[in-house]
N, C-alpha and C. Protein backbone atom coordinates (compact mmCIF):
# COMPACT_ATOMS: atom_id res chain seq x y z
N MET A 1 0.83 -1.18 0.00
CA MET A 1 0.00 0.00 0.00
C MET A 1 0.88 1.25 0.00
N THR A 2 0.49 2.17 -0.82
CA THR A 2 1.23 3.42 -0.87
C THR A 2 0.45 4.49 -0.11
N LYS A 3 1.19 5.26 0.56
CA LYS A 3 0.59 6.34 1.35
C LYS A 3 0.65 7.62 0.50
N GLN A 4 -0.45 8.26 0.32
CA GLN A 4 -0.46 9.49 -0.45
C GLN A 4 -0.28 10.69 0.47
N HIS A 5 0.46 11.66 -0.07
CA HIS A 5 0.67 12.89 0.69
C HIS A 5 -0.59 13.74 0.63
N LYS A 6 -0.89 14.32 1.74
CA LYS A 6 -1.96 15.30 1.73
C LYS A 6 -1.31 16.64 1.39
N LYS A 7 -1.82 17.30 0.37
CA LYS A 7 -1.24 18.56 -0.05
C LYS A 7 -1.41 19.61 1.04
N LYS A 8 -0.33 20.33 1.29
CA LYS A 8 -0.38 21.40 2.29
C LYS A 8 -1.10 22.62 1.72
N TYR A 9 -0.89 22.86 0.42
CA TYR A 9 -1.51 24.00 -0.25
C TYR A 9 -2.34 23.49 -1.42
N SER A 10 -3.33 24.28 -1.79
CA SER A 10 -4.13 23.91 -2.95
C SER A 10 -3.46 24.32 -4.25
N TRP A 11 -2.39 25.09 -4.15
CA TRP A 11 -1.64 25.52 -5.33
C TRP A 11 -0.20 25.11 -5.15
N ASP A 12 0.49 24.97 -6.24
CA ASP A 12 1.89 24.56 -6.20
C ASP A 12 2.77 25.81 -6.12
N PRO A 13 3.50 26.03 -5.02
CA PRO A 13 4.29 27.26 -4.88
C PRO A 13 5.44 27.36 -5.86
N TYR A 14 5.82 26.28 -6.52
CA TYR A 14 6.95 26.31 -7.44
C TYR A 14 6.55 26.66 -8.86
N THR A 15 5.28 26.56 -9.17
CA THR A 15 4.85 26.88 -10.52
C THR A 15 3.88 28.05 -10.57
N SER A 16 3.43 28.54 -9.44
CA SER A 16 2.47 29.64 -9.44
C SER A 16 3.21 30.98 -9.52
N ASP A 17 2.44 32.01 -9.73
CA ASP A 17 2.99 33.36 -9.82
C ASP A 17 3.32 33.85 -8.42
N VAL A 18 4.59 33.79 -8.06
CA VAL A 18 5.02 34.14 -6.71
C VAL A 18 4.84 35.63 -6.43
N GLN A 19 5.01 36.47 -7.45
CA GLN A 19 4.90 37.92 -7.27
C GLN A 19 3.50 38.30 -6.80
N LYS A 20 2.50 37.54 -7.21
CA LYS A 20 1.13 37.84 -6.82
C LYS A 20 0.94 37.72 -5.31
N PHE A 21 1.71 36.83 -4.67
CA PHE A 21 1.58 36.61 -3.23
C PHE A 21 2.65 37.34 -2.42
N SER A 22 3.48 38.13 -3.08
CA SER A 22 4.58 38.80 -2.41
C SER A 22 4.08 39.98 -1.57
N ILE A 23 4.78 40.24 -0.47
CA ILE A 23 4.44 41.40 0.36
C ILE A 23 5.15 42.66 -0.14
N TYR A 24 6.11 42.49 -1.04
CA TYR A 24 6.87 43.62 -1.57
C TYR A 24 6.17 44.20 -2.79
N PRO A 25 6.23 45.52 -2.96
CA PRO A 25 5.57 46.12 -4.11
C PRO A 25 6.28 45.74 -5.41
N GLN A 26 5.50 45.69 -6.46
CA GLN A 26 6.08 45.37 -7.76
C GLN A 26 6.73 46.62 -8.32
N VAL A 27 7.94 46.49 -8.79
CA VAL A 27 8.69 47.61 -9.32
C VAL A 27 8.64 47.56 -10.84
N ASN A 28 8.20 48.65 -11.43
CA ASN A 28 8.19 48.72 -12.89
C ASN A 28 9.55 49.21 -13.35
N ARG A 29 10.17 48.42 -14.17
CA ARG A 29 11.47 48.81 -14.72
C ARG A 29 11.36 48.89 -16.22
N TYR A 30 12.08 49.85 -16.76
CA TYR A 30 12.11 50.00 -18.21
C TYR A 30 13.31 49.23 -18.73
N GLU A 31 13.08 48.09 -19.30
CA GLU A 31 14.16 47.29 -19.86
C GLU A 31 14.37 47.74 -21.31
N HIS A 32 15.17 48.76 -21.48
CA HIS A 32 15.52 49.35 -22.77
C HIS A 32 14.32 49.95 -23.49
N ASP A 33 13.08 49.64 -23.07
CA ASP A 33 11.89 50.27 -23.64
C ASP A 33 11.93 50.23 -25.16
N ASN A 34 12.38 49.13 -25.73
CA ASN A 34 12.52 48.98 -27.19
C ASN A 34 13.39 50.08 -27.76
N LEU A 35 14.28 50.59 -26.96
CA LEU A 35 15.18 51.65 -27.38
C LEU A 35 16.37 51.03 -28.07
N LYS A 36 16.64 51.45 -29.29
CA LYS A 36 17.79 50.93 -30.02
C LYS A 36 18.43 52.05 -30.81
N GLU A 37 19.56 51.77 -31.38
CA GLU A 37 20.27 52.79 -32.14
C GLU A 37 19.40 53.24 -33.31
N GLY A 38 19.33 54.55 -33.49
CA GLY A 38 18.51 55.12 -34.54
C GLY A 38 17.17 55.63 -34.02
N SER A 39 16.79 55.25 -32.80
CA SER A 39 15.54 55.75 -32.22
C SER A 39 15.65 57.23 -31.92
N ILE A 40 14.52 57.91 -31.93
CA ILE A 40 14.50 59.34 -31.60
C ILE A 40 13.72 59.51 -30.30
N ILE A 41 14.33 60.22 -29.34
CA ILE A 41 13.71 60.46 -28.04
C ILE A 41 13.68 61.97 -27.78
N GLU A 42 12.76 62.40 -26.93
CA GLU A 42 12.68 63.81 -26.55
C GLU A 42 13.10 63.95 -25.10
N VAL A 43 14.03 64.86 -24.84
CA VAL A 43 14.54 65.07 -23.49
C VAL A 43 14.72 66.57 -23.23
N ILE A 44 14.84 66.91 -21.95
CA ILE A 44 15.18 68.27 -21.55
C ILE A 44 16.59 68.23 -20.98
N VAL A 45 17.47 69.04 -21.52
CA VAL A 45 18.87 69.07 -21.10
C VAL A 45 18.95 69.68 -19.70
N THR A 46 19.49 68.91 -18.75
CA THR A 46 19.53 69.36 -17.36
C THR A 46 20.88 69.93 -16.95
N SER A 47 21.95 69.48 -17.60
CA SER A 47 23.28 69.99 -17.26
C SER A 47 24.21 69.78 -18.45
N SER A 48 25.43 70.27 -18.28
CA SER A 48 26.44 70.06 -19.33
C SER A 48 27.76 69.73 -18.66
N ASP A 49 28.61 69.04 -19.40
CA ASP A 49 29.92 68.67 -18.86
C ASP A 49 30.97 69.66 -19.36
N PRO A 50 32.21 69.58 -18.89
CA PRO A 50 33.25 70.54 -19.30
C PRO A 50 33.55 70.53 -20.80
N ARG A 51 33.24 69.45 -21.48
CA ARG A 51 33.49 69.38 -22.94
C ARG A 51 32.40 70.06 -23.75
N GLY A 52 31.31 70.47 -23.09
CA GLY A 52 30.21 71.13 -23.80
C GLY A 52 29.10 70.19 -24.21
N ASN A 53 29.16 68.94 -23.77
CA ASN A 53 28.10 67.99 -24.09
C ASN A 53 26.90 68.24 -23.17
N GLY A 54 25.71 68.12 -23.72
CA GLY A 54 24.50 68.24 -22.93
C GLY A 54 24.18 66.90 -22.26
N ILE A 55 23.67 66.96 -21.04
CA ILE A 55 23.33 65.76 -20.28
C ILE A 55 21.87 65.85 -19.87
N ALA A 56 21.13 64.74 -20.10
CA ALA A 56 19.71 64.68 -19.74
C ALA A 56 19.41 63.29 -19.20
N LEU A 57 18.20 63.11 -18.70
CA LEU A 57 17.75 61.80 -18.22
C LEU A 57 16.58 61.34 -19.07
N TYR A 58 16.57 60.06 -19.42
CA TYR A 58 15.46 59.46 -20.15
C TYR A 58 15.14 58.13 -19.50
N ARG A 59 14.04 58.08 -18.75
CA ARG A 59 13.58 56.87 -18.08
C ARG A 59 14.66 56.19 -17.25
N GLY A 60 15.34 56.98 -16.44
CA GLY A 60 16.35 56.44 -15.54
C GLY A 60 17.72 56.25 -16.17
N LYS A 61 17.87 56.57 -17.43
CA LYS A 61 19.16 56.44 -18.10
C LYS A 61 19.70 57.83 -18.43
N ARG A 62 21.02 57.94 -18.38
CA ARG A 62 21.67 59.21 -18.68
C ARG A 62 21.86 59.34 -20.19
N VAL A 63 21.50 60.49 -20.74
CA VAL A 63 21.64 60.75 -22.17
C VAL A 63 22.71 61.82 -22.35
N ILE A 64 23.71 61.53 -23.18
CA ILE A 64 24.78 62.49 -23.46
C ILE A 64 24.73 62.82 -24.94
N MET A 65 24.65 64.14 -25.23
CA MET A 65 24.61 64.59 -26.61
C MET A 65 25.54 65.77 -26.81
N LYS A 66 26.04 65.94 -28.00
CA LYS A 66 26.96 67.05 -28.27
C LYS A 66 26.19 68.35 -28.40
N GLY A 67 26.62 69.33 -27.62
CA GLY A 67 26.16 70.70 -27.78
C GLY A 67 24.74 71.02 -27.38
N GLY A 68 24.23 70.52 -26.31
CA GLY A 68 22.90 70.93 -25.87
C GLY A 68 23.01 72.00 -24.81
N SER A 69 22.21 73.05 -24.91
CA SER A 69 22.25 74.10 -23.88
C SER A 69 21.26 73.76 -22.78
N VAL A 70 21.63 74.07 -21.55
CA VAL A 70 20.85 73.71 -20.37
C VAL A 70 19.47 74.36 -20.44
N GLY A 71 18.42 73.54 -20.25
CA GLY A 71 17.06 74.03 -20.27
C GLY A 71 16.35 73.84 -21.60
N SER A 72 17.07 73.46 -22.64
CA SER A 72 16.45 73.25 -23.95
C SER A 72 15.76 71.90 -24.00
N LYS A 73 14.63 71.86 -24.70
CA LYS A 73 13.96 70.58 -24.96
C LYS A 73 14.32 70.18 -26.38
N VAL A 74 14.94 69.01 -26.52
CA VAL A 74 15.47 68.60 -27.83
C VAL A 74 15.04 67.19 -28.19
N ARG A 75 15.09 66.90 -29.48
CA ARG A 75 14.93 65.53 -29.97
C ARG A 75 16.34 65.00 -30.21
N VAL A 76 16.59 63.79 -29.72
CA VAL A 76 17.92 63.20 -29.81
C VAL A 76 17.82 61.89 -30.59
N LYS A 77 18.70 61.73 -31.57
CA LYS A 77 18.80 60.46 -32.30
C LYS A 77 19.86 59.62 -31.60
N VAL A 78 19.48 58.43 -31.14
CA VAL A 78 20.36 57.55 -30.37
C VAL A 78 21.42 56.97 -31.31
N THR A 79 22.70 57.13 -30.93
CA THR A 79 23.79 56.57 -31.73
C THR A 79 24.44 55.36 -31.06
N LYS A 80 24.43 55.32 -29.71
CA LYS A 80 25.06 54.21 -29.00
C LYS A 80 24.42 54.05 -27.63
N ILE A 81 24.27 52.80 -27.18
CA ILE A 81 23.75 52.52 -25.84
C ILE A 81 24.77 51.64 -25.12
N LEU A 82 25.29 52.15 -24.01
CA LEU A 82 26.25 51.40 -23.20
C LEU A 82 25.75 51.36 -21.76
N GLY A 83 25.23 50.23 -21.34
CA GLY A 83 24.73 50.10 -19.97
C GLY A 83 23.59 51.05 -19.72
N ASP A 84 23.75 51.94 -18.74
CA ASP A 84 22.70 52.90 -18.43
C ASP A 84 22.99 54.27 -19.02
N THR A 85 23.86 54.33 -20.01
CA THR A 85 24.20 55.59 -20.68
C THR A 85 23.83 55.50 -22.15
N ILE A 86 23.16 56.55 -22.63
CA ILE A 86 22.75 56.63 -24.03
C ILE A 86 23.51 57.79 -24.66
N TYR A 87 24.16 57.54 -25.78
CA TYR A 87 24.85 58.59 -26.52
C TYR A 87 24.03 58.92 -27.75
N GLY A 88 23.96 60.20 -28.09
CA GLY A 88 23.17 60.60 -29.23
C GLY A 88 23.58 61.94 -29.78
N GLU A 89 22.92 62.30 -30.87
CA GLU A 89 23.16 63.61 -31.49
C GLU A 89 21.81 64.31 -31.61
N ILE A 90 21.84 65.61 -31.52
CA ILE A 90 20.61 66.39 -31.54
C ILE A 90 20.03 66.38 -32.95
N ALA A 91 18.77 65.92 -33.04
CA ALA A 91 18.08 65.87 -34.33
C ALA A 91 17.24 67.12 -34.55
N GLY A 92 16.86 67.79 -33.47
CA GLY A 92 16.08 69.01 -33.59
C GLY A 92 15.83 69.62 -32.23
N THR A 93 15.64 70.93 -32.21
CA THR A 93 15.37 71.64 -30.97
C THR A 93 13.90 72.00 -30.93
N LEU A 94 13.20 71.59 -29.86
CA LEU A 94 11.78 71.89 -29.73
C LEU A 94 11.56 73.23 -29.05
N THR A 95 12.27 73.49 -27.94
CA THR A 95 12.20 74.80 -27.28
C THR A 95 13.61 75.21 -26.90
N GLU A 96 13.86 76.48 -27.02
CA GLU A 96 15.18 77.02 -26.67
C GLU A 96 15.28 77.23 -25.18
N SER A 97 16.50 77.29 -24.71
CA SER A 97 16.77 77.55 -23.30
C SER A 97 16.50 79.00 -22.97
N GLY A 98 16.02 79.24 -21.76
CA GLY A 98 15.79 80.60 -21.31
C GLY A 98 16.99 81.16 -20.56
N VAL A 99 18.10 80.42 -20.53
CA VAL A 99 19.27 80.82 -19.78
C VAL A 99 20.13 81.76 -20.64
N GLU A 100 20.50 82.89 -20.06
CA GLU A 100 21.39 83.84 -20.75
C GLU A 100 22.81 83.63 -20.27
N TYR A 101 23.77 83.65 -21.15
CA TYR A 101 25.18 83.48 -20.80
C TYR A 101 25.91 84.77 -20.88
């Protein structure tokens, strides 16, 4: 005679959706957001580096482009993606910066 196990749970914890039963909040992460070389994104330039490159943020990633003035809203064509850094060139300026030099 074989003894059958009585199931402790009505669901199998190894195959069910564990996140649904988690006490921790679900974190939405942008995994490249279908971003690839040649894509065009819109960003606001927040700072610049000593070389004159504009620096902005796009969905948690740093965007570096040549020649963006701080405060400008620009369209950037992505040329390279390395880790959490996106390199690009300005494809067009949507609004000019209000900063006087």
